[in-house]
Amino acid sequence: MQFVRYKELKGKIELLSGLHIGGNKDNIEIGGIDNPVIKNPITGLPYIPGSSIKGKMRFLLEWKLEKVNPNTGEPHSCPSDDGNCPICRIFGNTAKDKRYGPTRLIVSDCNLVLEPKDIEKLERKEFLCLEDKVENRINRLTGAAIDPRHIERVPAGMKFEFGLTYKIFKIDPAENDTSNKDELNWQEVQNALYYLQEDALGGSGSRGYGKIVFSELKLDNVGVTLKWNGTKAELNPTSRG
């Protein structure tokens, strides 16, 4: 097995709707937030765990490639894999006899983007990067709102740094750029990013939370845009002029 190179994709995640990725709620007070978001323990600012992005990408791709177990709903994992499964090769596999090397995809934690004016407000404790959204249930007979609950969200408009790294190995010496499975599977990574953009990140996606868009993307330091061409996703170089 020979390591060939990395593909590096960086950019921003912009929230089109409020985002909730649950965090620690050990210190809930009466009348306080029922469901806080995850925060950096040092800065107290919200962030997006790389595991949340990678997990949702895997979930969506498993459904698209029909790799979901209809009986258990458990994440896909080939019991004995030779490297032909895109899911196991890209995202990892617990099989002891796998022969295709390490997990190919690494997704970094995404920190909140702070402009100079935001930093000044943060120092004065005036920077608002969270919202308290009140939700409730509706009594089907009376139409009255019942059981109110407070859910903390990062509001729409906030941006986070985004970055992933994809490793390419050559297992068969005869492989080239057109036959290398890692090169071919990079297409599925692009597809998964587009599916995530079309779906939702974090909790309560069916209620409008977690709508995102990837922006300011650079693939190996070249500006690109994520588009769907009708059959697959593409990271096309940004046009100039």
Protein backbone atom coordinates (compact mmCIF):
# COMPACT_ATOMS: atom_id res chain seq x y z
CA MET A 1 0.00 0.00 0.00
CA GLN A 2 1.30 3.44 -0.96
CA PHE A 3 0.05 6.83 0.21
CA VAL A 4 -0.51 9.06 -2.82
CA ARG A 5 -1.82 12.43 -1.63
CA TYR A 6 -4.41 14.41 0.30
CA LYS A 7 -7.40 16.29 -1.05
CA GLU A 8 -8.15 19.27 1.19
CA LEU A 9 -11.45 21.12 1.10
CA LYS A 10 -11.91 24.27 3.17
CA GLY A 11 -14.56 26.94 3.37
CA LYS A 12 -17.49 28.15 5.42
CA ILE A 13 -20.78 26.73 6.63
CA GLU A 14 -23.47 29.39 6.65
CA LEU A 15 -26.67 28.81 8.61
CA LEU A 16 -29.87 29.44 6.66
CA SER A 17 -31.96 28.49 9.70
CA GLY A 18 -31.30 28.03 13.41
CA LEU A 19 -28.95 25.16 14.31
CA HIS A 20 -29.22 22.93 17.36
CA ILE A 21 -26.53 20.36 18.16
CA GLY A 22 -27.07 19.31 21.74
CA GLY A 23 -24.54 19.91 24.49
CA ASN A 24 -24.18 19.52 28.24
CA LYS A 25 -27.30 20.32 30.26
CA ASP A 26 -26.06 19.54 33.77
CA ASN A 27 -26.61 23.08 35.01
CA ILE A 28 -30.19 23.74 33.91
CA GLU A 29 -31.97 26.25 36.15
CA ILE A 30 -35.70 26.68 36.68
CA GLY A 31 -37.02 28.71 33.74
CA GLY A 32 -33.74 28.23 31.88
CA ILE A 33 -32.81 26.49 28.63
CA ASP A 34 -34.01 22.88 28.42
CA ASN A 35 -31.77 21.92 25.51
CA PRO A 36 -28.49 23.89 25.26
CA VAL A 37 -26.20 23.64 22.24
CA ILE A 38 -22.68 22.26 22.42
CA LYS A 39 -20.07 24.93 23.25
CA ASN A 40 -16.31 25.24 23.45
CA PRO A 41 -15.53 24.76 27.17
CA ILE A 42 -12.84 27.47 27.07
CA THR A 43 -14.51 30.24 25.04
CA GLY A 44 -18.14 29.36 25.71
CA LEU A 45 -18.89 29.83 21.99
CA PRO A 46 -20.91 27.31 19.98
CA TYR A 47 -19.15 25.11 17.43
CA ILE A 48 -20.06 22.29 15.06
CA PRO A 49 -18.36 18.97 15.90
CA GLY A 50 -16.73 17.30 12.93
CA SER A 51 -18.37 14.07 14.07
CA SER A 52 -21.82 15.62 13.52
CA ILE A 53 -20.99 16.52 9.92
CA LYS A 54 -19.26 13.23 9.13
CA GLY A 55 -22.02 11.20 10.78
CA LYS A 56 -24.77 12.93 8.81
CA MET A 57 -22.81 12.58 5.56
CA ARG A 58 -22.45 8.86 6.20
CA PHE A 59 -26.13 8.50 7.13
CA LEU A 60 -27.29 10.18 3.92
CA LEU A 61 -24.86 8.28 1.71
CA GLU A 62 -25.84 4.94 3.26
CA TRP A 63 -29.46 5.57 2.26
CA LYS A 64 -28.48 6.75 -1.21
CA LEU A 65 -26.29 3.68 -1.84
CA GLU A 66 -28.88 1.35 -0.25
CA LYS A 67 -26.51 0.26 2.52
CA VAL A 68 -28.98 0.67 5.40
CA ASN A 69 -29.96 -2.49 7.26
CA PRO A 70 -33.79 -2.52 6.99
CA ASN A 71 -34.14 -4.72 10.07
CA THR A 72 -31.95 -2.90 12.60
CA GLY A 73 -31.29 0.57 11.16
CA GLU A 74 -27.72 0.29 12.44
CA PRO A 75 -24.86 2.04 10.60
CA HIS A 76 -23.49 -0.04 7.75
CA SER A 77 -20.31 -2.06 8.32
CA CYS A 78 -19.13 -4.89 6.11
CA PRO A 79 -18.19 -7.90 8.32
CA SER A 80 -15.25 -8.72 6.08
CA ASP A 81 -14.37 -6.10 3.54
CA ASP A 82 -11.94 -6.09 0.62
CA GLY A 83 -12.14 -2.37 -0.02
CA ASN A 84 -14.89 -2.39 -2.63
CA CYS A 85 -17.51 -0.79 -0.35
CA PRO A 86 -17.43 3.04 -0.64
CA ILE A 87 -19.02 3.53 2.80
CA CYS A 88 -16.48 1.41 4.67
CA ARG A 89 -13.53 2.75 2.73
CA ILE A 90 -14.48 6.43 3.09
CA PHE A 91 -15.87 6.50 6.63
CA GLY A 92 -14.25 3.50 8.30
CA ASN A 93 -15.06 -0.07 9.28
CA THR A 94 -14.70 -2.14 12.45
CA ALA A 95 -13.86 -5.36 10.58
CA LYS A 96 -10.64 -6.88 11.93
CA ASP A 97 -9.48 -8.26 8.60
CA LYS A 98 -9.90 -5.13 6.47
CA ARG A 99 -7.15 -4.83 3.91
CA TYR A 100 -7.66 -1.38 2.48
CA GLY A 101 -5.92 0.84 5.02
CA PRO A 102 -7.12 3.65 7.30
CA THR A 103 -10.32 5.68 7.14
CA ARG A 104 -10.05 8.09 4.23
CA LEU A 105 -12.20 11.01 5.43
CA ILE A 106 -11.29 13.41 8.25
CA VAL A 107 -13.71 16.22 9.13
CA SER A 108 -12.53 18.95 11.50
CA ASP A 109 -14.53 20.67 14.23
CA CYS A 110 -15.95 23.93 12.89
CA ASN A 111 -15.37 27.06 14.94
CA LEU A 112 -17.62 30.12 14.83
CA VAL A 113 -16.42 32.83 12.43
CA LEU A 114 -15.76 36.07 14.32
CA GLU A 115 -15.39 39.40 12.58
CA PRO A 116 -13.35 42.18 14.28
CA LYS A 117 -16.57 43.90 15.36
CA ASP A 118 -17.79 40.62 16.84
CA ILE A 119 -14.62 40.24 18.89
CA GLU A 120 -15.07 43.74 20.29
CA LYS A 121 -18.67 42.92 21.26
CA LEU A 122 -17.52 39.61 22.72
CA GLU A 123 -15.06 41.41 24.97
CA ARG A 124 -17.92 43.63 26.18
CA LYS A 125 -20.15 40.57 26.54
CA GLU A 126 -22.52 42.02 23.94
CA PHE A 127 -22.00 39.43 21.20
CA LEU A 128 -25.22 37.47 20.64
CA CYS A 129 -24.58 34.17 18.88
CA LEU A 130 -27.38 32.17 20.51
CA GLU A 131 -31.16 32.36 20.61
CA ASP A 132 -33.76 30.90 22.94
CA LYS A 133 -36.51 29.32 20.83
CA VAL A 134 -39.69 28.40 22.69
CA GLU A 135 -41.62 25.41 21.37
CA ASN A 136 -44.72 23.60 22.59
CA ARG A 137 -47.25 20.93 21.78
CA ILE A 138 -50.76 21.65 20.54
CA ASN A 139 -53.79 20.03 22.14
CA ARG A 140 -55.61 18.50 19.18
CA LEU A 141 -59.06 19.12 20.70
CA THR A 142 -58.75 22.62 22.11
CA GLY A 143 -55.95 24.04 19.96
CA ALA A 144 -54.22 25.28 23.11
CA ALA A 145 -50.44 25.35 23.41
CA ILE A 146 -49.15 23.03 26.15
CA ASP A 147 -45.81 21.81 27.53
CA PRO A 148 -43.63 24.78 26.51
CA ARG A 149 -39.91 24.08 26.28
CA HIS A 150 -36.88 26.28 25.64
CA ILE A 151 -34.42 25.18 22.96
CA GLU A 152 -31.12 26.95 22.44
CA ARG A 153 -30.05 27.50 18.83
CA VAL A 154 -27.36 29.23 16.86
CA PRO A 155 -29.39 31.69 14.76
CA ALA A 156 -29.55 31.90 11.00
CA GLY A 157 -26.82 34.00 9.43
CA MET A 158 -23.97 32.74 11.60
CA LYS A 159 -20.98 31.21 9.83
CA PHE A 160 -18.53 28.49 10.85
CA GLU A 161 -15.13 27.52 9.49
CA PHE A 162 -15.27 24.23 7.60
CA GLY A 163 -12.54 21.80 6.62
CA LEU A 164 -12.11 18.20 5.58
CA THR A 165 -9.19 16.08 4.41
CA TYR A 166 -9.46 13.03 2.19
CA LYS A 167 -6.59 10.55 1.89
CA ILE A 168 -5.79 8.70 -1.31
CA PHE A 169 -3.85 5.45 -1.24
CA LYS A 170 -2.70 3.10 -3.99
CA ILE A 171 -3.29 -0.50 -2.95
CA ASP A 172 -2.74 -2.17 -6.31
CA PRO A 173 0.51 -1.02 -8.03
CA ALA A 174 -1.36 -1.10 -11.34
CA GLU A 175 -3.87 1.52 -10.20
CA ASN A 176 -3.86 4.94 -11.85
CA ASP A 177 -5.99 8.08 -11.47
CA THR A 178 -8.87 6.58 -13.49
CA SER A 179 -8.90 3.17 -11.74
CA ASN A 180 -7.85 4.10 -8.19
CA LYS A 181 -10.82 3.37 -5.90
CA ASP A 182 -10.02 6.28 -3.58
CA GLU A 183 -10.03 8.66 -6.53
CA LEU A 184 -13.36 7.23 -7.68
CA ASN A 185 -14.87 7.36 -4.18
CA TRP A 186 -14.10 11.07 -3.92
CA GLN A 187 -17.22 11.51 -6.05
CA GLU A 188 -19.30 9.99 -3.24
CA VAL A 189 -17.80 12.47 -0.76
CA GLN A 190 -18.91 15.33 -3.01
CA ASN A 191 -22.36 13.76 -3.30
CA ALA A 192 -22.63 13.44 0.49
CA LEU A 193 -21.79 17.13 0.93
CA TYR A 194 -24.54 18.07 -1.49
CA TYR A 195 -27.04 15.75 0.21
CA LEU A 196 -26.21 17.39 3.55
CA GLN A 197 -26.77 20.83 2.06
CA GLU A 198 -30.17 19.67 0.76
CA ASP A 199 -31.12 17.95 4.04
CA ALA A 200 -30.36 19.31 7.53
CA LEU A 201 -27.60 19.30 10.12
CA GLY A 202 -28.20 18.71 13.82
CA GLY A 203 -31.50 18.09 15.54
CA SER A 204 -35.10 18.90 14.56
CA GLY A 205 -34.41 19.10 10.83
CA SER A 206 -38.02 18.16 10.10
CA ARG A 207 -39.10 21.33 11.97
CA GLY A 208 -36.91 23.61 9.91
CA TYR A 209 -33.70 23.55 11.94
CA GLY A 210 -30.23 23.04 10.54
CA LYS A 211 -30.53 24.26 6.95
CA ILE A 212 -27.00 25.09 5.78
CA VAL A 213 -25.05 26.09 2.70
CA PHE A 214 -21.35 25.61 1.97
CA SER A 215 -19.66 28.79 0.78
CA GLU A 216 -16.20 30.20 0.00
CA LEU A 217 -14.98 26.69 -0.78
CA LYS A 218 -11.41 25.94 -1.84
CA LEU A 219 -10.26 22.54 -3.03
CA ASP A 220 -6.49 22.27 -2.68
CA ASN A 221 -6.40 26.10 -2.49
CA VAL A 222 -8.44 26.55 -5.69
CA GLY A 223 -11.82 28.30 -5.35
CA VAL A 224 -14.75 26.00 -6.16
CA THR A 225 -18.55 25.89 -5.92
CA LEU A 226 -20.67 22.87 -5.01
CA LYS A 227 -23.26 22.18 -7.72
CA TRP A 228 -25.51 19.33 -8.82
CA ASN A 229 -25.25 18.59 -12.53
CA GLY A 230 -28.35 16.37 -12.74
CA THR A 231 -26.70 13.04 -11.88
CA LYS A 232 -23.93 13.87 -9.40
CA ALA A 233 -22.40 16.66 -7.35
CA GLU A 234 -19.43 18.61 -8.67
CA LEU A 235 -16.90 20.97 -7.17
CA ASN A 236 -16.36 23.28 -10.11
CA PRO A 237 -13.65 25.93 -10.24
CA THR A 238 -15.02 29.39 -9.52
CA SER A 239 -15.31 31.43 -12.69
CA ARG A 240 -13.33 34.64 -12.90
CA GLY A 241 -13.81 37.87 -14.68
